[in-house]
Structure formats: structure tokens, C-alpha cells
Amino acid sequence: MEQAGYIVLGSFLALITSFISENYRSWSNKKNQRGDLKISLRLEFKVIIELIDKIVEKFGTSQFFDIRFLKQLKSAIDRLEKLRDHVIFINNEKDKEKILATINAVAIYQSDALSLEGQAFKRTSDGEAQGEAVTWNHENYRSQRQLLATRSVDLKRRIEEVIHFTEGKGY
């Protein structure tokens, strides 16, 4: 009878030890994943800031944007999208929301920049047999370019806040 008590006690201790061990392993894995996520987000957002600077600089020096930078920005966004599912490892809901909103804002910015050239043109009928001709709408393009440049300042500020967050210890 006494041995049965020891067997039950041993089983109970093994169960408790296993539970504690698994919880520690899970906590440790999440901590490592948070650290990896922090590094990945920081690096991708730094690349995005550099690309936005290049896009805006190109807007300022020429009538057209450099499609290479927009494609590079799209690649960086795609890499961020792969990290989106890992944002769940961040403990604070407001921080999660800020990161996800910033990823969305970058994607919208890239989409708007890509469509800017198309917005700069308008279709008009030239009255000839060839049908429609495309004319340059410089005023529309200039105003959209200025709006995009202005938005880039706010977007970079938001990205820098996320970078600052990823450099902190409270995560």
C-alpha cells in the first residue's frame, strides 16, 4: 500500500516537472521568436526608409519615378507580409496594431506611387481617325507627386517609431 502512494507521488511529480519543462520551453521559444522578429522587422523597415528616400529624391529630380525602387519596395513589402503572422508573439496589443498598421501603410504608399504615372495621363480624343491620344497632365502629376512626398514624411516617422520599438527591451 505504501508503495502505491510512492508511485502516485512519483507520477504526480513527473507530471508537474513535465508541465513546468514544457512551459519553460514554450516561453523560451517565444522569446527567441520575438527576438528574431524584432531583428527582421528592424532590418526590413530600415530598407524601406532608404527606398522611400530614393523614390522621393527621384520624384524631385525628374518627371518620372524610378520603377526599380518601386519594385524593390514591393519586394520589401512581400518580406514584411511573411513576418505578419509572427507579430502575434508581441505581447502588447497596441504595439501589434502599430506594426500591422505600418505594414499596411507602406503597402498603400507603394501602390499609390506605382499608380501615380497612370494618374498623370488622361485620355482625350484628338479628333483624328486614330481615335484617342494620351496627353500629359503635368499639373495633376505634380500635385500627386507633392502629396506622395508629403505622405512619405509621415510614413517614415511611423516606420521610425516601429524601429525604435524593436530596439527596446520591453517586447
N, C-alpha and C. Protein backbone atom coordinates (compact mmCIF):
# COMPACT_ATOMS: atom_id res chain seq x y z
N MET A 1 0.81 -1.19 0.00
CA MET A 1 0.00 0.00 0.00
C MET A 1 0.86 1.26 0.00
N GLU A 2 1.91 1.19 0.78
CA GLU A 2 2.81 2.33 0.86
C GLU A 2 3.49 2.59 -0.47
N GLN A 3 3.83 1.53 -1.19
CA GLN A 3 4.47 1.68 -2.50
C GLN A 3 3.53 2.32 -3.50
N ALA A 4 2.26 2.04 -3.40
CA ALA A 4 1.28 2.64 -4.31
C ALA A 4 1.25 4.15 -4.11
N GLY A 5 1.38 4.59 -2.88
CA GLY A 5 1.43 6.03 -2.59
C GLY A 5 2.66 6.67 -3.21
N TYR A 6 3.79 5.94 -3.12
CA TYR A 6 5.02 6.46 -3.73
C TYR A 6 4.90 6.52 -5.26
N ILE A 7 4.24 5.54 -5.81
CA ILE A 7 4.05 5.51 -7.27
C ILE A 7 3.18 6.70 -7.70
N VAL A 8 2.11 6.95 -6.97
CA VAL A 8 1.22 8.08 -7.28
C VAL A 8 1.97 9.39 -7.10
N LEU A 9 2.72 9.51 -6.01
CA LEU A 9 3.50 10.72 -5.76
C LEU A 9 4.55 10.92 -6.86
N GLY A 10 5.23 9.85 -7.25
CA GLY A 10 6.23 9.94 -8.32
C GLY A 10 5.60 10.34 -9.64
N SER A 11 4.45 9.78 -9.93
CA SER A 11 3.74 10.13 -11.17
C SER A 11 3.33 11.60 -11.15
N PHE A 12 2.84 12.04 -10.00
CA PHE A 12 2.42 13.44 -9.87
C PHE A 12 3.62 14.38 -10.04
N LEU A 13 4.75 14.05 -9.42
CA LEU A 13 5.95 14.87 -9.56
C LEU A 13 6.45 14.88 -11.01
N ALA A 14 6.37 13.74 -11.68
CA ALA A 14 6.78 13.67 -13.09
C ALA A 14 5.87 14.54 -13.95
N LEU A 15 4.58 14.51 -13.66
CA LEU A 15 3.62 15.33 -14.41
C LEU A 15 3.90 16.82 -14.20
N ILE A 16 4.11 17.22 -12.98
CA ILE A 16 4.40 18.62 -12.66
C ILE A 16 5.71 19.05 -13.32
N THR A 17 6.73 18.22 -13.24
CA THR A 17 8.02 18.53 -13.85
C THR A 17 7.89 18.67 -15.36
N SER A 18 7.14 17.76 -15.96
CA SER A 18 6.92 17.82 -17.41
C SER A 18 6.17 19.09 -17.79
N PHE A 19 5.16 19.45 -17.02
CA PHE A 19 4.38 20.65 -17.28
C PHE A 19 5.27 21.89 -17.20
N ILE A 20 6.07 21.99 -16.16
CA ILE A 20 6.96 23.13 -15.98
C ILE A 20 7.99 23.18 -17.10
N SER A 21 8.54 22.03 -17.44
CA SER A 21 9.53 21.97 -18.51
C SER A 21 8.96 22.42 -19.85
N GLU A 22 7.77 21.96 -20.19
CA GLU A 22 7.14 22.35 -21.46
C GLU A 22 6.79 23.83 -21.49
N ASN A 23 6.31 24.35 -20.36
CA ASN A 23 6.01 25.78 -20.30
C ASN A 23 7.27 26.62 -20.45
N TYR A 24 8.35 26.19 -19.82
CA TYR A 24 9.61 26.92 -19.95
C TYR A 24 10.11 26.86 -21.40
N ARG A 25 10.02 25.70 -22.02
CA ARG A 25 10.46 25.54 -23.41
C ARG A 25 9.62 26.44 -24.33
N SER A 26 8.32 26.45 -24.10
CA SER A 26 7.42 27.29 -24.90
C SER A 26 7.75 28.77 -24.71
N TRP A 27 7.96 29.19 -23.47
CA TRP A 27 8.31 30.57 -23.18
C TRP A 27 9.63 30.93 -23.84
N SER A 28 10.60 30.04 -23.75
CA SER A 28 11.91 30.28 -24.34
C SER A 28 11.83 30.39 -25.86
N ASN A 29 11.05 29.51 -26.49
CA ASN A 29 10.87 29.56 -27.94
C ASN A 29 10.21 30.87 -28.37
N LYS A 30 9.18 31.28 -27.63
CA LYS A 30 8.51 32.54 -27.97
C LYS A 30 9.45 33.72 -27.81
N LYS A 31 10.27 33.68 -26.78
CA LYS A 31 11.23 34.76 -26.57
C LYS A 31 12.22 34.81 -27.73
N ASN A 32 12.71 33.66 -28.15
CA ASN A 32 13.63 33.62 -29.29
C ASN A 32 12.95 34.10 -30.57
N GLN A 33 11.70 33.69 -30.77
CA GLN A 33 10.97 34.12 -31.96
C GLN A 33 10.71 35.62 -31.93
N ARG A 34 10.42 36.17 -30.76
CA ARG A 34 10.25 37.62 -30.64
C ARG A 34 11.54 38.34 -31.00
N GLY A 35 12.66 37.81 -30.53
CA GLY A 35 13.95 38.41 -30.85
C GLY A 35 14.24 38.37 -32.34
N ASP A 36 13.98 37.23 -32.97
CA ASP A 36 14.18 37.11 -34.42
C ASP A 36 13.25 38.04 -35.18
N LEU A 37 12.01 38.13 -34.73
CA LEU A 37 11.05 39.02 -35.37
C LEU A 37 11.50 40.47 -35.24
N LYS A 38 11.97 40.82 -34.06
CA LYS A 38 12.43 42.18 -33.81
C LYS A 38 13.55 42.56 -34.79
N ILE A 39 14.50 41.68 -34.96
CA ILE A 39 15.62 41.94 -35.88
C ILE A 39 15.11 42.04 -37.32
N SER A 40 14.27 41.12 -37.72
CA SER A 40 13.76 41.10 -39.10
C SER A 40 12.95 42.36 -39.41
N LEU A 41 12.06 42.74 -38.50
CA LEU A 41 11.26 43.95 -38.71
C LEU A 41 12.16 45.18 -38.81
N ARG A 42 13.10 45.28 -37.90
CA ARG A 42 14.00 46.44 -37.90
C ARG A 42 14.76 46.55 -39.21
N LEU A 43 15.32 45.44 -39.68
CA LEU A 43 16.09 45.47 -40.93
C LEU A 43 15.22 45.81 -42.13
N GLU A 44 14.04 45.20 -42.22
CA GLU A 44 13.15 45.47 -43.36
C GLU A 44 12.67 46.91 -43.35
N PHE A 45 12.32 47.42 -42.19
CA PHE A 45 11.84 48.80 -42.14
C PHE A 45 12.95 49.80 -42.45
N LYS A 46 14.19 49.49 -42.07
CA LYS A 46 15.30 50.37 -42.43
C LYS A 46 15.50 50.40 -43.95
N VAL A 47 15.38 49.25 -44.59
CA VAL A 47 15.47 49.18 -46.05
C VAL A 47 14.35 50.00 -46.67
N ILE A 48 13.16 49.90 -46.12
CA ILE A 48 12.01 50.63 -46.66
C ILE A 48 12.22 52.13 -46.55
N ILE A 49 12.76 52.60 -45.44
CA ILE A 49 13.03 54.04 -45.30
C ILE A 49 14.01 54.49 -46.38
N GLU A 50 15.07 53.71 -46.61
CA GLU A 50 16.04 54.06 -47.66
C GLU A 50 15.37 54.11 -49.03
N LEU A 51 14.51 53.16 -49.31
CA LEU A 51 13.82 53.13 -50.61
C LEU A 51 12.86 54.30 -50.77
N ILE A 52 12.15 54.64 -49.72
CA ILE A 52 11.24 55.79 -49.79
C ILE A 52 12.05 57.07 -50.05
N ASP A 53 13.19 57.20 -49.39
CA ASP A 53 14.05 58.36 -49.64
C ASP A 53 14.47 58.42 -51.11
N LYS A 54 14.85 57.28 -51.66
CA LYS A 54 15.26 57.24 -53.07
C LYS A 54 14.10 57.58 -54.01
N ILE A 55 12.92 57.06 -53.70
CA ILE A 55 11.74 57.33 -54.53
C ILE A 55 11.42 58.83 -54.52
N VAL A 56 11.39 59.43 -53.34
CA VAL A 56 11.07 60.85 -53.23
C VAL A 56 12.16 61.70 -53.89
N GLU A 57 13.41 61.32 -53.70
CA GLU A 57 14.51 62.05 -54.34
C GLU A 57 14.37 62.01 -55.86
N LYS A 58 14.04 60.85 -56.38
CA LYS A 58 13.87 60.70 -57.83
C LYS A 58 12.69 61.53 -58.32
N PHE A 59 11.61 61.56 -57.53
CA PHE A 59 10.46 62.41 -57.88
C PHE A 59 10.90 63.87 -57.98
N GLY A 60 11.76 64.28 -57.05
CA GLY A 60 12.18 65.67 -57.02
C GLY A 60 13.11 66.06 -58.14
N THR A 61 13.83 65.11 -58.71
CA THR A 61 14.82 65.44 -59.73
C THR A 61 14.38 65.13 -61.15
N SER A 62 13.31 64.38 -61.32
CA SER A 62 12.86 64.05 -62.67
C SER A 62 11.34 64.06 -62.73
N GLN A 63 10.83 63.96 -63.89
CA GLN A 63 9.37 63.93 -64.04
C GLN A 63 8.80 62.55 -63.75
N PHE A 64 9.63 61.57 -63.73
CA PHE A 64 9.16 60.19 -63.54
C PHE A 64 9.87 59.56 -62.36
N PHE A 65 9.22 58.60 -61.76
CA PHE A 65 9.86 57.85 -60.69
C PHE A 65 10.59 56.65 -61.29
N ASP A 66 11.54 56.18 -60.54
CA ASP A 66 12.33 55.03 -60.99
C ASP A 66 11.61 53.76 -60.57
N ILE A 67 11.15 53.01 -61.54
CA ILE A 67 10.37 51.80 -61.28
C ILE A 67 11.19 50.76 -60.50
N ARG A 68 12.52 50.82 -60.63
CA ARG A 68 13.37 49.87 -59.89
C ARG A 68 13.15 49.99 -58.38
N PHE A 69 13.07 51.24 -57.91
CA PHE A 69 12.88 51.45 -56.47
C PHE A 69 11.51 50.96 -56.02
N LEU A 70 10.51 51.15 -56.86
CA LEU A 70 9.17 50.68 -56.51
C LEU A 70 9.11 49.15 -56.48
N LYS A 71 9.83 48.51 -57.38
CA LYS A 71 9.89 47.04 -57.36
C LYS A 71 10.64 46.55 -56.12
N GLN A 72 11.71 47.25 -55.76
CA GLN A 72 12.44 46.88 -54.55
C GLN A 72 11.56 47.09 -53.32
N LEU A 73 10.78 48.17 -53.33
CA LEU A 73 9.86 48.42 -52.22
C LEU A 73 8.81 47.31 -52.14
N LYS A 74 8.32 46.87 -53.27
CA LYS A 74 7.34 45.77 -53.31
C LYS A 74 7.96 44.49 -52.73
N SER A 75 9.22 44.23 -53.07
CA SER A 75 9.90 43.04 -52.52
C SER A 75 10.03 43.14 -51.00
N ALA A 76 10.35 44.33 -50.51
CA ALA A 76 10.46 44.52 -49.05
C ALA A 76 9.09 44.34 -48.39
N ILE A 77 8.04 44.81 -49.04
CA ILE A 77 6.68 44.63 -48.51
C ILE A 77 6.33 43.15 -48.47
N ASP A 78 6.69 42.43 -49.51
CA ASP A 78 6.42 40.99 -49.54
C ASP A 78 7.12 40.28 -48.38
N ARG A 79 8.35 40.70 -48.09
CA ARG A 79 9.07 40.10 -46.96
C ARG A 79 8.38 40.46 -45.63
N LEU A 80 7.89 41.69 -45.52
CA LEU A 80 7.15 42.08 -44.32
C LEU A 80 5.86 41.28 -44.17
N GLU A 81 5.20 41.03 -45.28
CA GLU A 81 3.95 40.25 -45.24
C GLU A 81 4.20 38.85 -44.69
N LYS A 82 5.37 38.29 -44.99
CA LYS A 82 5.70 36.97 -44.45
C LYS A 82 5.91 37.02 -42.93
N LEU A 83 6.31 38.19 -42.44
CA LEU A 83 6.52 38.35 -41.00
C LEU A 83 5.22 38.66 -40.25
N ARG A 84 4.20 39.05 -40.98
CA ARG A 84 2.93 39.47 -40.37
C ARG A 84 2.39 38.43 -39.38
N ASP A 85 2.43 37.16 -39.75
CA ASP A 85 1.89 36.11 -38.88
C ASP A 85 2.66 35.98 -37.57
N HIS A 86 3.91 36.40 -37.57
CA HIS A 86 4.73 36.28 -36.37
C HIS A 86 4.54 37.44 -35.40
N VAL A 87 3.81 38.45 -35.82
CA VAL A 87 3.56 39.59 -34.94
C VAL A 87 2.75 39.16 -33.71
N ILE A 88 2.10 38.01 -33.77
CA ILE A 88 1.34 37.51 -32.62
C ILE A 88 2.22 37.28 -31.40
N PHE A 89 3.52 37.15 -31.60
CA PHE A 89 4.42 36.91 -30.48
C PHE A 89 4.71 38.18 -29.68
N ILE A 90 4.22 39.31 -30.17
CA ILE A 90 4.39 40.56 -29.43
C ILE A 90 3.30 40.62 -28.37
N ASN A 91 3.68 40.96 -27.17
CA ASN A 91 2.75 40.89 -26.04
C ASN A 91 1.72 42.01 -26.03
N ASN A 92 2.10 43.21 -26.35
CA ASN A 92 1.23 44.37 -26.23
C ASN A 92 0.36 44.54 -27.48
N GLU A 93 -0.96 44.62 -27.27
CA GLU A 93 -1.91 44.73 -28.39
C GLU A 93 -1.71 46.02 -29.18
N LYS A 94 -1.42 47.13 -28.49
CA LYS A 94 -1.21 48.40 -29.19
C LYS A 94 0.02 48.34 -30.08
N ASP A 95 1.06 47.67 -29.60
CA ASP A 95 2.27 47.53 -30.41
C ASP A 95 2.02 46.66 -31.63
N LYS A 96 1.25 45.58 -31.44
CA LYS A 96 0.88 44.74 -32.58
C LYS A 96 0.14 45.56 -33.63
N GLU A 97 -0.83 46.33 -33.15
CA GLU A 97 -1.64 47.15 -34.05
C GLU A 97 -0.78 48.17 -34.79
N LYS A 98 0.16 48.79 -34.08
CA LYS A 98 1.03 49.79 -34.70
C LYS A 98 1.89 49.16 -35.80
N ILE A 99 2.43 47.99 -35.54
CA ILE A 99 3.26 47.31 -36.54
C ILE A 99 2.43 46.92 -37.76
N LEU A 100 1.28 46.32 -37.53
CA LEU A 100 0.43 45.89 -38.65
C LEU A 100 -0.08 47.08 -39.45
N ALA A 101 -0.44 48.16 -38.77
CA ALA A 101 -0.90 49.36 -39.48
C ALA A 101 0.22 49.98 -40.30
N THR A 102 1.44 49.91 -39.80
CA THR A 102 2.58 50.45 -40.54
C THR A 102 2.87 49.61 -41.78
N ILE A 103 2.78 48.29 -41.65
CA ILE A 103 2.95 47.42 -42.82
C ILE A 103 1.90 47.76 -43.88
N ASN A 104 0.66 47.94 -43.44
CA ASN A 104 -0.41 48.30 -44.38
C ASN A 104 -0.15 49.66 -45.03
N ALA A 105 0.30 50.63 -44.24
CA ALA A 105 0.56 51.97 -44.77
C ALA A 105 1.66 51.94 -45.82
N VAL A 106 2.69 51.14 -45.60
CA VAL A 106 3.77 51.03 -46.59
C VAL A 106 3.24 50.41 -47.88
N ALA A 107 2.41 49.39 -47.76
CA ALA A 107 1.84 48.75 -48.95
C ALA A 107 0.95 49.72 -49.74
N ILE A 108 0.16 50.51 -49.04
CA ILE A 108 -0.69 51.50 -49.70
C ILE A 108 0.16 52.57 -50.38
N TYR A 109 1.21 53.01 -49.70
CA TYR A 109 2.12 54.01 -50.28
C TYR A 109 2.74 53.49 -51.57
N GLN A 110 3.20 52.25 -51.55
CA GLN A 110 3.81 51.66 -52.74
C GLN A 110 2.81 51.57 -53.87
N SER A 111 1.61 51.16 -53.56
CA SER A 111 0.56 51.05 -54.57
C SER A 111 0.22 52.41 -55.17
N ASP A 112 0.12 53.42 -54.32
CA ASP A 112 -0.17 54.78 -54.81
C ASP A 112 0.96 55.31 -55.67
N ALA A 113 2.20 55.05 -55.27
CA ALA A 113 3.35 55.51 -56.06
C ALA A 113 3.37 54.82 -57.42
N LEU A 114 3.05 53.55 -57.43
CA LEU A 114 3.05 52.79 -58.68
C LEU A 114 1.97 53.28 -59.63
N SER A 115 0.84 53.66 -59.09
CA SER A 115 -0.25 54.12 -59.95
C SER A 115 -0.14 55.60 -60.31
N LEU A 116 0.84 56.30 -59.74
CA LEU A 116 0.97 57.74 -59.99
C LEU A 116 1.19 58.06 -61.46
N GLU A 117 2.02 57.30 -62.12
CA GLU A 117 2.28 57.59 -63.53
C GLU A 117 1.00 57.45 -64.35
N GLY A 118 0.21 56.44 -64.04
CA GLY A 118 -1.05 56.26 -64.76
C GLY A 118 -2.02 57.40 -64.50
N GLN A 119 -1.98 57.96 -63.30
CA GLN A 119 -2.86 59.09 -62.98
C GLN A 119 -2.42 60.36 -63.67
N ALA A 120 -1.15 60.43 -64.04
CA ALA A 120 -0.63 61.65 -64.66
C ALA A 120 -1.09 61.79 -66.10
N PHE A 121 -1.58 60.74 -66.67
CA PHE A 121 -2.04 60.79 -68.06
C PHE A 121 -3.56 60.78 -68.08
N LYS A 122 -4.10 61.41 -69.08
CA LYS A 122 -5.55 61.35 -69.25
C LYS A 122 -5.84 61.08 -70.72
N ARG A 123 -6.89 60.42 -70.97
CA ARG A 123 -7.28 60.09 -72.34
C ARG A 123 -8.16 61.21 -72.89
N THR A 124 -7.79 61.66 -74.06
CA THR A 124 -8.61 62.66 -74.74
C THR A 124 -8.74 62.28 -76.20
N SER A 125 -9.78 62.71 -76.80
CA SER A 125 -9.98 62.44 -78.22
C SER A 125 -9.31 63.56 -79.01
N ASP A 126 -8.45 63.19 -79.94
CA ASP A 126 -7.76 64.22 -80.72
C ASP A 126 -8.50 64.55 -82.02
N GLY A 127 -9.64 63.91 -82.22
CA GLY A 127 -10.46 64.22 -83.38
C GLY A 127 -9.99 63.59 -84.67
N GLU A 128 -8.90 62.89 -84.65
CA GLU A 128 -8.40 62.27 -85.87
C GLU A 128 -8.90 60.83 -85.94
N ALA A 129 -8.64 60.22 -87.04
CA ALA A 129 -9.13 58.86 -87.28
C ALA A 129 -8.48 57.84 -86.34
N GLN A 130 -7.35 58.19 -85.78
CA GLN A 130 -6.65 57.24 -84.91
C GLN A 130 -7.34 57.07 -83.56
N GLY A 131 -8.31 57.88 -83.27
CA GLY A 131 -9.05 57.72 -82.02
C GLY A 131 -8.43 58.51 -80.89
N GLU A 132 -8.18 57.84 -79.76
CA GLU A 132 -7.71 58.54 -78.57
C GLU A 132 -6.21 58.77 -78.60
N ALA A 133 -5.82 59.87 -78.01
CA ALA A 133 -4.40 60.16 -77.82
C ALA A 133 -4.18 60.37 -76.32
N VAL A 134 -3.00 60.07 -75.86
CA VAL A 134 -2.67 60.26 -74.45
C VAL A 134 -1.93 61.58 -74.32
N THR A 135 -2.42 62.45 -73.46
CA THR A 135 -1.75 63.73 -73.23
C THR A 135 -1.22 63.77 -71.81
N TRP A 136 -0.18 64.52 -71.62
CA TRP A 136 0.47 64.65 -70.33
C TRP A 136 -0.30 65.64 -69.48
N ASN A 137 -0.69 65.21 -68.30
CA ASN A 137 -1.39 66.08 -67.35
C ASN A 137 -0.39 66.46 -66.27
N HIS A 138 0.44 67.45 -66.58
CA HIS A 138 1.55 67.82 -65.71
C HIS A 138 1.06 68.33 -64.34
N GLU A 139 0.01 69.12 -64.34
CA GLU A 139 -0.48 69.68 -63.08
C GLU A 139 -0.96 68.59 -62.12
N ASN A 140 -1.69 67.63 -62.65
CA ASN A 140 -2.16 66.52 -61.82
C ASN A 140 -0.98 65.71 -61.29
N TYR A 141 -0.04 65.43 -62.15
CA TYR A 141 1.13 64.65 -61.74
C TYR A 141 1.91 65.38 -60.66
N ARG A 142 2.13 66.69 -60.86
CA ARG A 142 2.89 67.47 -59.89
C ARG A 142 2.19 67.50 -58.53
N SER A 143 0.88 67.67 -58.52
CA SER A 143 0.16 67.71 -57.25
C SER A 143 0.17 66.34 -56.57
N GLN A 144 0.03 65.28 -57.34
CA GLN A 144 0.09 63.93 -56.76
C GLN A 144 1.49 63.61 -56.24
N ARG A 145 2.49 64.05 -56.98
CA ARG A 145 3.88 63.84 -56.56
C ARG A 145 4.12 64.55 -55.23
N GLN A 146 3.65 65.78 -55.12
CA GLN A 146 3.82 66.54 -53.89
C GLN A 146 3.09 65.87 -52.73
N LEU A 147 1.89 65.39 -53.00
CA LEU A 147 1.12 64.68 -51.97
C LEU A 147 1.86 63.42 -51.51
N LEU A 148 2.41 62.70 -52.46
CA LEU A 148 3.15 61.48 -52.13
C LEU A 148 4.40 61.81 -51.32
N ALA A 149 5.10 62.88 -51.69
CA ALA A 149 6.28 63.29 -50.94
C ALA A 149 5.91 63.69 -49.52
N THR A 150 4.79 64.38 -49.37
CA THR A 150 4.33 64.78 -48.04
C THR A 150 3.95 63.55 -47.21
N ARG A 151 3.26 62.61 -47.82
CA ARG A 151 2.89 61.38 -47.12
C ARG A 151 4.12 60.59 -46.70
N SER A 152 5.19 60.68 -47.49
CA SER A 152 6.39 59.91 -47.16
C SER A 152 6.99 60.35 -45.83
N VAL A 153 6.86 61.63 -45.51
CA VAL A 153 7.40 62.14 -44.25
C VAL A 153 6.68 61.48 -43.07
N ASP A 154 5.36 61.45 -43.13
CA ASP A 154 4.58 60.81 -42.07
C ASP A 154 4.84 59.31 -42.01
N LEU A 155 4.93 58.69 -43.17
CA LEU A 155 5.18 57.25 -43.21
C LEU A 155 6.54 56.91 -42.61
N LYS A 156 7.55 57.69 -42.95
CA LYS A 156 8.88 57.45 -42.38
C LYS A 156 8.88 57.64 -40.87
N ARG A 157 8.12 58.62 -40.37
CA ARG A 157 8.02 58.82 -38.92
C ARG A 157 7.40 57.59 -38.26
N ARG A 158 6.33 57.06 -38.87
CA ARG A 158 5.69 55.86 -38.32
C ARG A 158 6.64 54.66 -38.34
N ILE A 159 7.38 54.52 -39.42
CA ILE A 159 8.34 53.42 -39.52
C ILE A 159 9.43 53.57 -38.47
N GLU A 160 9.92 54.79 -38.28
CA GLU A 160 10.96 55.02 -37.27
C GLU A 160 10.46 54.70 -35.87
N GLU A 161 9.18 54.94 -35.60
CA GLU A 161 8.61 54.57 -34.30
C GLU A 161 8.64 53.05 -34.11
N VAL A 162 8.33 52.32 -35.17
CA VAL A 162 8.37 50.85 -35.08
C VAL A 162 9.81 50.39 -34.90
N ILE A 163 10.74 51.00 -35.63
CA ILE A 163 12.16 50.64 -35.48
C ILE A 163 12.60 50.90 -34.04
N HIS A 164 12.23 52.05 -33.50
CA HIS A 164 12.58 52.38 -32.12
C HIS A 164 12.00 51.34 -31.15
N PHE A 165 10.77 50.95 -31.40
CA PHE A 165 10.12 49.93 -30.57
C PHE A 165 10.90 48.61 -30.63
N THR A 166 11.34 48.21 -31.83
CA THR A 166 12.05 46.93 -31.95
C THR A 166 13.43 46.97 -31.32
N GLU A 167 13.96 48.16 -31.11
CA GLU A 167 15.27 48.27 -30.46
C GLU A 167 15.16 48.24 -28.94
N GLY A 168 13.94 48.40 -28.42
CA GLY A 168 13.72 48.45 -26.98
C GLY A 168 13.70 47.07 -26.35
N LYS A 169 13.71 47.07 -25.04
CA LYS A 169 13.71 45.81 -24.28
C LYS A 169 12.31 45.38 -23.87
N GLY A 170 11.33 46.27 -23.95
CA GLY A 170 10.00 45.96 -23.43
C GLY A 170 9.14 45.21 -24.42
N TYR A 171 9.67 44.15 -24.96
CA TYR A 171 8.93 43.45 -26.01
C TYR A 171 9.26 41.99 -26.01
